[in-house]
């Protein structure tokens, strides 16, 4: 409040994430959503497919029945929801 009342600039401390960290966070946070993650949205943000970056991890979890791929989208299966932390750790 003091900064606003005195019309002083407020300097917030923040952490600058690398592109790799941003991709990891995008995957981690996106898999928490029921609809999952769209590769189109990932490409718009990072200029590459998440299959190019995380293809081995995605395929591993598809083969284990933890991730479902539908067209350009991946999401956690019911089994994957139960093991979400395990799946998400692979993207970190």
PDB file of N, CA and C in Angstrom:
ATOM      1  N   UNK A   1       0.828  -1.196   0.000  1.00  0.00           N
ATOM      2  CA  UNK A   1       0.000   0.000   0.000  1.00  0.00           C
ATOM      3  C   UNK A   1       0.868   1.253   0.000  1.00  0.00           C
ATOM      4  N   UNK A   2       1.960   1.198   0.746  1.00  0.00           N
ATOM      5  CA  UNK A   2       2.840   2.352   0.816  1.00  0.00           C
ATOM      6  C   UNK A   2       3.373   2.735  -0.567  1.00  0.00           C
ATOM      7  N   UNK A   3       3.732   1.748  -1.367  1.00  0.00           N
ATOM      8  CA  UNK A   3       4.238   2.016  -2.705  1.00  0.00           C
ATOM      9  C   UNK A   3       3.183   2.692  -3.571  1.00  0.00           C
ATOM     10  N   UNK A   4       1.946   2.256  -3.466  1.00  0.00           N
ATOM     11  CA  UNK A   4       0.859   2.826  -4.262  1.00  0.00           C
ATOM     12  C   UNK A   4       0.569   4.247  -3.801  1.00  0.00           C
ATOM     13  N   UNK A   5       0.481   4.439  -2.509  1.00  0.00           N
ATOM     14  CA  UNK A   5       0.173   5.767  -1.973  1.00  0.00           C
ATOM     15  C   UNK A   5       1.264   6.784  -2.316  1.00  0.00           C
ATOM     16  N   UNK A   6       2.504   6.342  -2.337  1.00  0.00           N
ATOM     17  CA  UNK A   6       3.626   7.247  -2.624  1.00  0.00           C
ATOM     18  C   UNK A   6       4.021   7.240  -4.097  1.00  0.00           C
ATOM     19  N   UNK A   7       3.209   6.537  -4.908  1.00  0.00           N
ATOM     20  CA  UNK A   7       3.433   6.446  -6.349  1.00  0.00           C
ATOM     21  C   UNK A   7       4.850   5.985  -6.682  1.00  0.00           C
ATOM     22  N   UNK A   8       5.321   5.039  -5.919  1.00  0.00           N
ATOM     23  CA  UNK A   8       6.631   4.456  -6.167  1.00  0.00           C
ATOM     24  C   UNK A   8       6.454   3.174  -6.972  1.00  0.00           C
ATOM     25  N   UNK A   9       7.473   2.877  -7.734  1.00  0.00           N
ATOM     26  CA  UNK A   9       7.451   1.640  -8.521  1.00  0.00           C
ATOM     27  C   UNK A   9       7.627   0.446  -7.583  1.00  0.00           C
ATOM     28  N   UNK A  10       6.871  -0.556  -7.861  1.00  0.00           N
ATOM     29  CA  UNK A  10       6.944  -1.780  -7.074  1.00  0.00           C
ATOM     30  C   UNK A  10       7.792  -2.791  -7.842  1.00  0.00           C
ATOM     31  N   UNK A  11       8.809  -3.262  -7.192  1.00  0.00           N
ATOM     32  CA  UNK A  11       9.695  -4.246  -7.817  1.00  0.00           C
ATOM     33  C   UNK A  11       9.417  -5.602  -7.190  1.00  0.00           C
ATOM     34  N   UNK A  12       8.917  -6.490  -8.036  1.00  0.00           N
ATOM     35  CA  UNK A  12       8.635  -7.835  -7.576  1.00  0.00           C
ATOM     36  C   UNK A  12       9.793  -8.740  -7.944  1.00  0.00           C
ATOM     37  N   UNK A  13      10.119  -9.623  -7.039  1.00  0.00           N
ATOM     38  CA  UNK A  13      11.145 -10.601  -7.343  1.00  0.00           C
ATOM     39  C   UNK A  13      10.480 -11.768  -8.052  1.00  0.00           C
ATOM     40  N   UNK A  14      11.138 -12.283  -9.030  1.00  0.00           N
ATOM     41  CA  UNK A  14      10.591 -13.399  -9.772  1.00  0.00           C
ATOM     42  C   UNK A  14      11.697 -14.307 -10.251  1.00  0.00           C
ATOM     43  N   UNK A  15      11.272 -15.420 -10.735  1.00  0.00           N
ATOM     44  CA  UNK A  15      12.214 -16.403 -11.236  1.00  0.00           C
ATOM     45  C   UNK A  15      12.052 -16.501 -12.742  1.00  0.00           C
ATOM     46  N   UNK A  16      13.125 -16.396 -13.476  1.00  0.00           N
ATOM     47  CA  UNK A  16      13.099 -16.514 -14.930  1.00  0.00           C
ATOM     48  C   UNK A  16      13.365 -17.973 -15.280  1.00  0.00           C
ATOM     49  N   UNK A  17      12.365 -18.588 -15.922  1.00  0.00           N
ATOM     50  CA  UNK A  17      12.484 -19.988 -16.279  1.00  0.00           C
ATOM     51  C   UNK A  17      13.121 -20.145 -17.652  1.00  0.00           C
ATOM     52  N   UNK A  18      13.927 -21.192 -17.805  1.00  0.00           N
ATOM     53  CA  UNK A  18      14.473 -21.511 -19.119  1.00  0.00           C
ATOM     54  C   UNK A  18      13.346 -22.056 -19.990  1.00  0.00           C
ATOM     55  N   UNK A  19      13.583 -22.156 -21.284  1.00  0.00           N
ATOM     56  CA  UNK A  19      12.578 -22.721 -22.181  1.00  0.00           C
ATOM     57  C   UNK A  19      12.252 -24.156 -21.775  1.00  0.00           C
ATOM     58  N   UNK A  20      13.264 -24.923 -21.435  1.00  0.00           N
ATOM     59  CA  UNK A  20      13.045 -26.302 -20.990  1.00  0.00           C
ATOM     60  C   UNK A  20      12.186 -26.371 -19.744  1.00  0.00           C
ATOM     61  N   UNK A  21      12.429 -25.478 -18.811  1.00  0.00           N
ATOM     62  CA  UNK A  21      11.622 -25.434 -17.586  1.00  0.00           C
ATOM     63  C   UNK A  21      10.186 -25.014 -17.895  1.00  0.00           C
ATOM     64  N   UNK A  22      10.024 -24.083 -18.833  1.00  0.00           N
ATOM     65  CA  UNK A  22       8.678 -23.652 -19.228  1.00  0.00           C
ATOM     66  C   UNK A  22       7.919 -24.805 -19.889  1.00  0.00           C
ATOM     67  N   UNK A  23       8.603 -25.572 -20.733  1.00  0.00           N
ATOM     68  CA  UNK A  23       7.972 -26.724 -21.369  1.00  0.00           C
ATOM     69  C   UNK A  23       7.561 -27.759 -20.327  1.00  0.00           C
ATOM     70  N   UNK A  24       8.449 -28.022 -19.415  1.00  0.00           N
ATOM     71  CA  UNK A  24       8.177 -28.982 -18.355  1.00  0.00           C
ATOM     72  C   UNK A  24       6.971 -28.557 -17.533  1.00  0.00           C
ATOM     73  N   UNK A  25       6.930 -27.287 -17.165  1.00  0.00           N
ATOM     74  CA  UNK A  25       5.813 -26.771 -16.380  1.00  0.00           C
ATOM     75  C   UNK A  25       4.508 -26.829 -17.181  1.00  0.00           C
ATOM     76  N   UNK A  26       4.581 -26.523 -18.470  1.00  0.00           N
ATOM     77  CA  UNK A  26       3.406 -26.596 -19.334  1.00  0.00           C
ATOM     78  C   UNK A  26       2.840 -28.014 -19.322  1.00  0.00           C
ATOM     79  N   UNK A  27       3.704 -29.002 -19.467  1.00  0.00           N
ATOM     80  CA  UNK A  27       3.271 -30.399 -19.474  1.00  0.00           C
ATOM     81  C   UNK A  27       2.707 -30.788 -18.114  1.00  0.00           C
ATOM     82  N   UNK A  28       3.432 -30.454 -17.078  1.00  0.00           N
ATOM     83  CA  UNK A  28       3.029 -30.809 -15.719  1.00  0.00           C
ATOM     84  C   UNK A  28       1.674 -30.211 -15.373  1.00  0.00           C
ATOM     85  N   UNK A  29       1.507 -28.944 -15.653  1.00  0.00           N
ATOM     86  CA  UNK A  29       0.250 -28.277 -15.315  1.00  0.00           C
ATOM     87  C   UNK A  29      -0.874 -28.723 -16.248  1.00  0.00           C
ATOM     88  N   UNK A  30      -0.564 -28.928 -17.523  1.00  0.00           N
ATOM     89  CA  UNK A  30      -1.580 -29.328 -18.485  1.00  0.00           C
ATOM     90  C   UNK A  30      -2.156 -30.707 -18.216  1.00  0.00           C
ATOM     91  N   UNK A  31      -1.327 -31.613 -17.746  1.00  0.00           N
ATOM     92  CA  UNK A  31      -1.817 -32.955 -17.452  1.00  0.00           C
ATOM     93  C   UNK A  31      -2.743 -32.978 -16.237  1.00  0.00           C
ATOM     94  N   UNK A  32      -2.743 -31.929 -15.479  1.00  0.00           N
ATOM     95  CA  UNK A  32      -3.660 -31.834 -14.332  1.00  0.00           C
ATOM     96  C   UNK A  32      -5.084 -31.515 -14.776  1.00  0.00           C
ATOM     97  N   UNK A  33      -5.228 -31.060 -16.017  1.00  0.00           N
ATOM     98  CA  UNK A  33      -6.540 -30.701 -16.547  1.00  0.00           C
ATOM     99  C   UNK A  33      -7.229 -31.934 -17.115  1.00  0.00           C
ATOM    100  N   UNK A  34      -8.530 -32.007 -16.975  1.00  0.00           N
ATOM    101  CA  UNK A  34      -9.311 -33.132 -17.485  1.00  0.00           C
ATOM    102  C   UNK A  34      -9.138 -33.267 -18.998  1.00  0.00           C
ATOM    103  N   UNK A  35      -9.117 -32.137 -19.726  1.00  0.00           N
ATOM    104  CA  UNK A  35      -9.000 -32.168 -21.180  1.00  0.00           C
ATOM    105  C   UNK A  35      -7.583 -32.430 -21.660  1.00  0.00           C
ATOM    106  N   UNK A  36      -6.619 -32.361 -20.778  1.00  0.00           N
ATOM    107  CA  UNK A  36      -5.238 -32.637 -21.147  1.00  0.00           C
ATOM    108  C   UNK A  36      -4.570 -31.500 -21.874  1.00  0.00           C
ATOM    109  N   UNK A  37      -3.648 -31.877 -22.779  1.00  0.00           N
ATOM    110  CA  UNK A  37      -2.789 -30.905 -23.447  1.00  0.00           C
ATOM    111  C   UNK A  37      -2.900 -31.063 -24.950  1.00  0.00           C
ATOM    112  N   UNK A  38      -3.037 -29.953 -25.633  1.00  0.00           N
ATOM    113  CA  UNK A  38      -3.073 -29.935 -27.092  1.00  0.00           C
ATOM    114  C   UNK A  38      -1.669 -29.682 -27.632  1.00  0.00           C
ATOM    115  N   UNK A  39      -1.247 -30.520 -28.565  1.00  0.00           N
ATOM    116  CA  UNK A  39       0.045 -30.312 -29.202  1.00  0.00           C
ATOM    117  C   UNK A  39       0.047 -29.025 -30.021  1.00  0.00           C
ATOM    118  N   UNK A  40      -1.102 -28.640 -30.546  1.00  0.00           N
ATOM    119  CA  UNK A  40      -1.206 -27.390 -31.308  1.00  0.00           C
ATOM    120  C   UNK A  40      -0.855 -26.195 -30.418  1.00  0.00           C
ATOM    121  N   UNK A  41      -1.390 -26.185 -29.215  1.00  0.00           N
ATOM    122  CA  UNK A  41      -1.102 -25.093 -28.272  1.00  0.00           C
ATOM    123  C   UNK A  41       0.369 -25.116 -27.875  1.00  0.00           C
ATOM    124  N   UNK A  42       0.914 -26.314 -27.636  1.00  0.00           N
ATOM    125  CA  UNK A  42       2.334 -26.451 -27.294  1.00  0.00           C
ATOM    126  C   UNK A  42       3.191 -25.895 -28.426  1.00  0.00           C
ATOM    127  N   UNK A  43       2.859 -26.244 -29.679  1.00  0.00           N
ATOM    128  CA  UNK A  43       3.611 -25.753 -30.840  1.00  0.00           C
ATOM    129  C   UNK A  43       3.534 -24.238 -30.963  1.00  0.00           C
ATOM    130  N   UNK A  44       2.359 -23.665 -30.691  1.00  0.00           N
ATOM    131  CA  UNK A  44       2.203 -22.211 -30.760  1.00  0.00           C
ATOM    132  C   UNK A  44       3.109 -21.521 -29.751  1.00  0.00           C
ATOM    133  N   UNK A  45       3.255 -22.123 -28.596  1.00  0.00           N
ATOM    134  CA  UNK A  45       4.055 -21.505 -27.534  1.00  0.00           C
ATOM    135  C   UNK A  45       5.547 -21.760 -27.701  1.00  0.00           C
ATOM    136  N   UNK A  46       5.922 -22.984 -28.098  1.00  0.00           N
ATOM    137  CA  UNK A  46       7.337 -23.363 -28.071  1.00  0.00           C
ATOM    138  C   UNK A  46       7.946 -23.666 -29.448  1.00  0.00           C
ATOM    139  N   UNK A  47       7.162 -23.561 -30.504  1.00  0.00           N
ATOM    140  CA  UNK A  47       7.641 -23.789 -31.863  1.00  0.00           C
ATOM    141  C   UNK A  47       8.118 -25.215 -32.122  1.00  0.00           C
ATOM    142  N   UNK A  48       7.641 -26.162 -31.361  1.00  0.00           N
ATOM    143  CA  UNK A  48       7.943 -27.566 -31.593  1.00  0.00           C
ATOM    144  C   UNK A  48       6.866 -28.427 -30.976  1.00  0.00           C
ATOM    145  N   UNK A  49       6.758 -29.629 -31.468  1.00  0.00           N
ATOM    146  CA  UNK A  49       5.762 -30.566 -30.970  1.00  0.00           C
ATOM    147  C   UNK A  49       6.203 -31.160 -29.638  1.00  0.00           C
ATOM    148  N   UNK A  50       5.237 -31.381 -28.745  1.00  0.00           N
ATOM    149  CA  UNK A  50       5.640 -32.046 -27.501  1.00  0.00           C
ATOM    150  C   UNK A  50       6.031 -33.498 -27.754  1.00  0.00           C
ATOM    151  N   UNK A  51       5.622 -34.058 -28.892  1.00  0.00           N
ATOM    152  CA  UNK A  51       6.063 -35.410 -29.245  1.00  0.00           C
ATOM    153  C   UNK A  51       7.557 -35.416 -29.581  1.00  0.00           C
ATOM    154  N   UNK A  52       8.066 -34.326 -30.157  1.00  0.00           N
ATOM    155  CA  UNK A  52       9.502 -34.226 -30.433  1.00  0.00           C
ATOM    156  C   UNK A  52      10.316 -34.070 -29.160  1.00  0.00           C
ATOM    157  N   UNK A  53       9.754 -33.399 -28.186  1.00  0.00           N
ATOM    158  CA  UNK A  53      10.476 -33.136 -26.941  1.00  0.00           C
ATOM    159  C   UNK A  53      10.300 -34.289 -25.944  1.00  0.00           C
ATOM    160  N   UNK A  54       9.081 -34.783 -25.817  1.00  0.00           N
ATOM    161  CA  UNK A  54       8.747 -35.770 -24.779  1.00  0.00           C
ATOM    162  C   UNK A  54       8.206 -37.083 -25.344  1.00  0.00           C
ATOM    163  N   UNK A  55       8.477 -37.363 -26.617  1.00  0.00           N
ATOM    164  CA  UNK A  55       7.901 -38.535 -27.268  1.00  0.00           C
ATOM    165  C   UNK A  55       8.130 -39.839 -26.529  1.00  0.00           C
ATOM    166  N   UNK A  56       9.351 -40.080 -26.058  1.00  0.00           N
ATOM    167  CA  UNK A  56       9.646 -41.331 -25.343  1.00  0.00           C
ATOM    168  C   UNK A  56       8.830 -41.450 -24.066  1.00  0.00           C
ATOM    169  N   UNK A  57       8.720 -40.363 -23.336  1.00  0.00           N
ATOM    170  CA  UNK A  57       7.956 -40.359 -22.081  1.00  0.00           C
ATOM    171  C   UNK A  57       6.471 -40.564 -22.368  1.00  0.00           C
ATOM    172  N   UNK A  58       5.962 -39.835 -23.341  1.00  0.00           N
ATOM    173  CA  UNK A  58       4.542 -39.955 -23.699  1.00  0.00           C
ATOM    174  C   UNK A  58       4.229 -41.383 -24.133  1.00  0.00           C
ATOM    175  N   UNK A  59       5.041 -41.933 -25.012  1.00  0.00           N
ATOM    176  CA  UNK A  59       4.805 -43.301 -25.494  1.00  0.00           C
ATOM    177  C   UNK A  59       4.896 -44.327 -24.375  1.00  0.00           C
ATOM    178  N   UNK A  60       5.823 -44.140 -23.459  1.00  0.00           N
ATOM    179  CA  UNK A  60       5.942 -45.046 -22.313  1.00  0.00           C
ATOM    180  C   UNK A  60       4.641 -45.076 -21.524  1.00  0.00           C
ATOM    181  N   UNK A  61       4.080 -43.901 -21.265  1.00  0.00           N
ATOM    182  CA  UNK A  61       2.863 -43.825 -20.458  1.00  0.00           C
ATOM    183  C   UNK A  61       1.619 -44.235 -21.249  1.00  0.00           C
ATOM    184  N   UNK A  62       1.647 -44.052 -22.564  1.00  0.00           N
ATOM    185  CA  UNK A  62       0.556 -44.580 -23.392  1.00  0.00           C
ATOM    186  C   UNK A  62       0.582 -46.107 -23.319  1.00  0.00           C
ATOM    187  N   UNK A  63       1.764 -46.678 -23.486  1.00  0.00           N
ATOM    188  CA  UNK A  63       1.913 -48.138 -23.443  1.00  0.00           C
ATOM    189  C   UNK A  63       1.546 -48.731 -22.084  1.00  0.00           C
ATOM    190  N   UNK A  64       1.742 -47.961 -21.027  1.00  0.00           N
ATOM    191  CA  UNK A  64       1.384 -48.408 -19.675  1.00  0.00           C
ATOM    192  C   UNK A  64      -0.061 -48.097 -19.309  1.00  0.00           C
ATOM    193  N   UNK A  65      -0.801 -47.480 -20.247  1.00  0.00           N
ATOM    194  CA  UNK A  65      -2.204 -47.168 -20.012  1.00  0.00           C
ATOM    195  C   UNK A  65      -2.451 -45.977 -19.102  1.00  0.00           C
ATOM    196  N   UNK A  66      -1.436 -45.128 -18.952  1.00  0.00           N
ATOM    197  CA  UNK A  66      -1.577 -43.972 -18.057  1.00  0.00           C
ATOM    198  C   UNK A  66      -1.929 -42.691 -18.801  1.00  0.00           C
ATOM    199  N   UNK A  67      -1.592 -42.639 -20.090  1.00  0.00           N
ATOM    200  CA  UNK A  67      -1.910 -41.487 -20.933  1.00  0.00           C
ATOM    201  C   UNK A  67      -2.715 -41.980 -22.123  1.00  0.00           C
ATOM    202  N   UNK A  68      -3.698 -41.186 -22.496  1.00  0.00           N
ATOM    203  CA  UNK A  68      -4.520 -41.454 -23.676  1.00  0.00           C
ATOM    204  C   UNK A  68      -4.216 -40.379 -24.706  1.00  0.00           C
ATOM    205  N   UNK A  69      -3.987 -40.820 -25.944  1.00  0.00           N
ATOM    206  CA  UNK A  69      -3.773 -39.877 -27.044  1.00  0.00           C
ATOM    207  C   UNK A  69      -5.013 -39.875 -27.912  1.00  0.00           C
ATOM    208  N   UNK A  70      -5.542 -38.688 -28.149  1.00  0.00           N
ATOM    209  CA  UNK A  70      -6.689 -38.493 -29.031  1.00  0.00           C
ATOM    210  C   UNK A  70      -6.342 -37.353 -29.977  1.00  0.00           C
ATOM    211  N   UNK A  71      -6.063 -37.724 -31.237  1.00  0.00           N
ATOM    212  CA  UNK A  71      -5.646 -36.748 -32.249  1.00  0.00           C
ATOM    213  C   UNK A  71      -4.405 -36.001 -31.779  1.00  0.00           C
ATOM    214  N   UNK A  72      -4.487 -34.696 -31.591  1.00  0.00           N
ATOM    215  CA  UNK A  72      -3.320 -33.906 -31.180  1.00  0.00           C
ATOM    216  C   UNK A  72      -3.271 -33.670 -29.678  1.00  0.00           C
ATOM    217  N   UNK A  73      -4.096 -34.368 -28.926  1.00  0.00           N
ATOM    218  CA  UNK A  73      -4.213 -34.128 -27.483  1.00  0.00           C
ATOM    219  C   UNK A  73      -3.810 -35.367 -26.686  1.00  0.00           C
ATOM    220  N   UNK A  74      -3.166 -35.122 -25.559  1.00  0.00           N
ATOM    221  CA  UNK A  74      -2.918 -36.204 -24.606  1.00  0.00           C
ATOM    222  C   UNK A  74      -3.538 -35.819 -23.276  1.00  0.00           C
ATOM    223  N   UNK A  75      -3.986 -36.837 -22.556  1.00  0.00           N
ATOM    224  CA  UNK A  75      -4.555 -36.613 -21.226  1.00  0.00           C
ATOM    225  C   UNK A  75      -4.327 -37.865 -20.402  1.00  0.00           C
ATOM    226  N   UNK A  76      -4.476 -37.733 -19.109  1.00  0.00           N
ATOM    227  CA  UNK A  76      -4.328 -38.877 -18.226  1.00  0.00           C
ATOM    228  C   UNK A  76      -5.548 -39.785 -18.340  1.00  0.00           C
ATOM    229  N   UNK A  77      -5.317 -41.074 -18.335  1.00  0.00           N
ATOM    230  CA  UNK A  77      -6.408 -42.044 -18.279  1.00  0.00           C
ATOM    231  C   UNK A  77      -6.902 -42.113 -16.836  1.00  0.00           C
ATOM    232  N   UNK A  78      -7.942 -42.884 -16.585  1.00  0.00           N
ATOM    233  CA  UNK A  78      -8.397 -43.062 -15.199  1.00  0.00           C
ATOM    234  C   UNK A  78      -7.284 -43.645 -14.338  1.00  0.00           C
ATOM    235  N   UNK A  79      -6.593 -44.630 -14.872  1.00  0.00           N
ATOM    236  CA  UNK A  79      -5.456 -45.215 -14.157  1.00  0.00           C
ATOM    237  C   UNK A  79      -4.358 -44.161 -13.971  1.00  0.00           C
ATOM    238  N   UNK A  80      -4.146 -43.354 -15.004  1.00  0.00           N
ATOM    239  CA  UNK A  80      -3.154 -42.288 -14.933  1.00  0.00           C
ATOM    240  C   UNK A  80      -3.487 -41.240 -13.893  1.00  0.00           C
ATOM    241  N   UNK A  81      -4.779 -40.975 -13.715  1.00  0.00           N
ATOM    242  CA  UNK A  81      -5.185 -40.016 -12.674  1.00  0.00           C
ATOM    243  C   UNK A  81      -4.783 -40.532 -11.292  1.00  0.00           C
ATOM    244  N   UNK A  82      -4.893 -41.842 -11.101  1.00  0.00           N
ATOM    245  CA  UNK A  82      -4.500 -42.431  -9.816  1.00  0.00           C
ATOM    246  C   UNK A  82      -2.995 -42.352  -9.599  1.00  0.00           C
ATOM    247  N   UNK A  83      -2.238 -42.349 -10.688  1.00  0.00           N
ATOM    248  CA  UNK A  83      -0.780 -42.325 -10.609  1.00  0.00           C
ATOM    249  C   UNK A  83      -0.208 -41.034 -11.188  1.00  0.00           C
ATOM    250  N   UNK A  84      -0.976 -39.965 -11.098  1.00  0.00           N
ATOM    251  CA  UNK A  84      -0.617 -38.690 -11.734  1.00  0.00           C
ATOM    252  C   UNK A  84       0.759 -38.188 -11.319  1.00  0.00           C
ATOM    253  N   UNK A  85       1.091 -38.244 -10.056  1.00  0.00           N
ATOM    254  CA  UNK A  85       2.387 -37.740  -9.607  1.00  0.00           C
ATOM    255  C   UNK A  85       3.530 -38.506 -10.252  1.00  0.00           C
ATOM    256  N   UNK A  86       3.364 -39.799 -10.413  1.00  0.00           N
ATOM    257  CA  UNK A  86       4.384 -40.618 -11.056  1.00  0.00           C
ATOM    258  C   UNK A  86       4.570 -40.186 -12.508  1.00  0.00           C
ATOM    259  N   UNK A  87       3.459 -40.001 -13.205  1.00  0.00           N
ATOM    260  CA  UNK A  87       3.531 -39.583 -14.610  1.00  0.00           C
ATOM    261  C   UNK A  87       4.151 -38.193 -14.718  1.00  0.00           C
ATOM    262  N   UNK A  88       3.702 -37.263 -13.933  1.00  0.00           N
ATOM    263  CA  UNK A  88       4.149 -35.877 -14.033  1.00  0.00           C
ATOM    264  C   UNK A  88       5.615 -35.719 -13.694  1.00  0.00           C
ATOM    265  N   UNK A  89       6.115 -36.557 -12.804  1.00  0.00           N
ATOM    266  CA  UNK A  89       7.542 -36.488 -12.441  1.00  0.00           C
ATOM    267  C   UNK A  89       8.437 -36.740 -13.649  1.00  0.00           C
ATOM    268  N   UNK A  90       7.981 -37.539 -14.589  1.00  0.00           N
ATOM    269  CA  UNK A  90       8.779 -37.821 -15.779  1.00  0.00           C
ATOM    270  C   UNK A  90       8.932 -36.608 -16.676  1.00  0.00           C
ATOM    271  N   UNK A  91       8.087 -35.627 -16.528  1.00  0.00           N
ATOM    272  CA  UNK A  91       8.158 -34.422 -17.353  1.00  0.00           C
ATOM    273  C   UNK A  91       8.989 -33.326 -16.684  1.00  0.00           C
ATOM    274  N   UNK A  92       9.417 -33.555 -15.488  1.00  0.00           N
ATOM    275  CA  UNK A  92      10.187 -32.541 -14.747  1.00  0.00           C
ATOM    276  C   UNK A  92      11.669 -32.746 -14.960  1.00  0.00           C
TER     277      UNK A  92
END
